Protein backbone atom coordinates (compact mmCIF):
# COMPACT_ATOMS: atom_id res chain seq x y z
CA MET A 1 129.34 11.22 67.15
CA THR A 2 126.08 9.44 67.95
CA SER A 3 125.85 6.65 70.53
CA THR A 4 123.82 3.51 69.91
CA VAL A 5 122.53 1.46 72.86
CA THR A 6 119.92 -1.17 73.55
CA ALA A 7 116.59 -0.38 75.13
CA ALA A 8 117.52 -2.69 78.01
CA ALA A 9 120.70 -0.69 78.71
CA VAL A 10 118.74 2.58 78.70
CA SER A 11 116.15 1.07 81.04
CA LYS A 12 118.86 0.10 83.53
CA ASN A 13 120.69 3.43 83.46
CA PHE A 14 118.35 6.09 82.07
CA GLY A 15 120.05 8.95 83.93
CA ALA A 16 123.41 8.36 82.24
CA TYR A 17 121.88 8.19 78.77
CA GLN A 18 119.74 11.24 79.49
CA GLU A 19 122.95 13.17 80.24
CA ALA A 20 124.64 11.72 77.13
CA ALA A 21 121.71 12.89 74.97
CA VAL A 22 122.35 16.48 76.03
CA ARG A 23 125.75 16.22 74.31
CA GLU A 24 124.76 14.08 71.30
CA PRO A 25 121.76 12.05 70.08
CA VAL A 26 121.48 8.54 71.50
CA ILE A 27 120.00 5.91 69.19
CA ILE A 28 118.06 3.29 71.14
CA THR A 29 117.68 -0.12 69.52
CA LYS A 30 115.16 -2.88 70.07
CA ASN A 31 115.84 -6.36 68.74
CA GLY A 32 118.99 -5.03 67.08
CA ARG A 33 117.19 -2.36 65.07
CA PRO A 34 117.19 1.42 65.61
CA ARG A 35 113.85 2.41 67.08
CA ILE A 36 114.04 5.70 69.01
CA VAL A 37 116.41 8.65 69.26
CA LEU A 38 116.91 10.40 72.57
CA LEU A 39 118.04 13.99 72.02
CA ALA A 40 118.39 17.29 73.82
CA TYR A 41 115.30 19.49 74.00
CA GLU A 42 117.16 22.31 72.22
CA ASP A 43 117.91 19.97 69.30
CA TYR A 44 114.25 18.96 69.16
CA LEU A 45 113.18 22.62 69.02
CA ARG A 46 115.69 23.36 66.27
CA LEU A 47 114.46 20.43 64.19
CA SER A 48 110.79 21.25 64.72
CA ARG A 49 111.34 24.86 63.62
CA ARG A 50 113.01 23.62 60.45
CA ASP A 51 109.87 21.64 59.55
CA ARG A 52 107.74 24.78 59.72
CA ARG A 53 109.65 26.72 57.05
CA VAL A 54 107.59 25.92 53.99
CA GLU A 55 106.86 28.02 50.95
CA ALA A 56 104.53 27.28 48.07
CA THR A 57 106.27 27.46 44.71
CA ALA A 58 103.27 29.47 43.45
CA ASP A 59 104.33 32.24 45.85
CA LEU A 60 107.81 32.50 44.32
CA ARG A 61 108.58 35.34 41.94
CA GLY A 62 111.05 36.02 39.17
CA ALA A 63 114.40 34.26 39.17
CA ASP A 64 113.49 31.97 42.08
CA ARG A 65 110.43 30.63 40.30
CA ALA A 66 112.33 30.24 37.03
CA ALA A 67 115.06 28.29 38.84
CA VAL A 68 112.52 25.88 40.32
CA GLU A 69 110.77 25.41 36.97
CA LYS A 70 114.13 24.73 35.28
CA SER A 71 115.40 22.30 37.92
CA GLU A 72 115.67 18.57 37.33
CA MET A 73 115.88 15.66 39.74
CA ASP A 74 119.11 13.74 40.08
CA PRO A 75 118.68 10.53 38.03
CA GLY A 76 119.58 8.53 41.14
CA LEU A 77 116.33 9.71 42.74
CA ASP A 78 113.93 8.49 40.03
CA HIS A 79 112.49 5.97 42.50
CA LEU A 80 110.95 8.91 44.41
CA ASN A 81 109.03 10.02 41.33
CA ALA A 82 107.82 6.44 40.86
CA GLU A 83 106.47 6.40 44.43
CA LEU A 84 104.49 9.56 43.77
CA LEU A 85 103.05 8.20 40.53
CA THR A 86 101.91 4.96 42.16
CA ASN A 87 100.68 6.66 45.37
CA LYS A 88 102.92 4.37 47.42
CA HIS A 89 104.69 6.80 49.69
CA PRO A 90 104.72 7.22 53.48
CA ALA A 91 102.20 10.07 53.47
CA ASP A 92 99.39 7.68 52.46
C-alpha cells in the first residue's frame, strides 16, 4: 500500500519517510495534490530499465508482426487516437 503525506510533513521528518519509501512508494502532496513520489532506488532502477525495452514494429517478423497489424484499440481509448491526430499530446 502506498502512503500519501504532505510536503510539510516530509520536510519535518524526512528520515522517517525515507525509511518508509524503502518499503513502499510515498506520494508527497503540495496544496492537496500529488506532486512527487519518493521511492526506493531499486524500484527506480527497475522502472528505468522497463522504459528502455523498446522494439520497432518494423523489426518484428512473422506471427508477431501479423498480430500487431491485426490488433485494434479498445473503443474506450479512442481519445488517445484523437490526441495523436490533433498533435495535442504530452510529447509536444
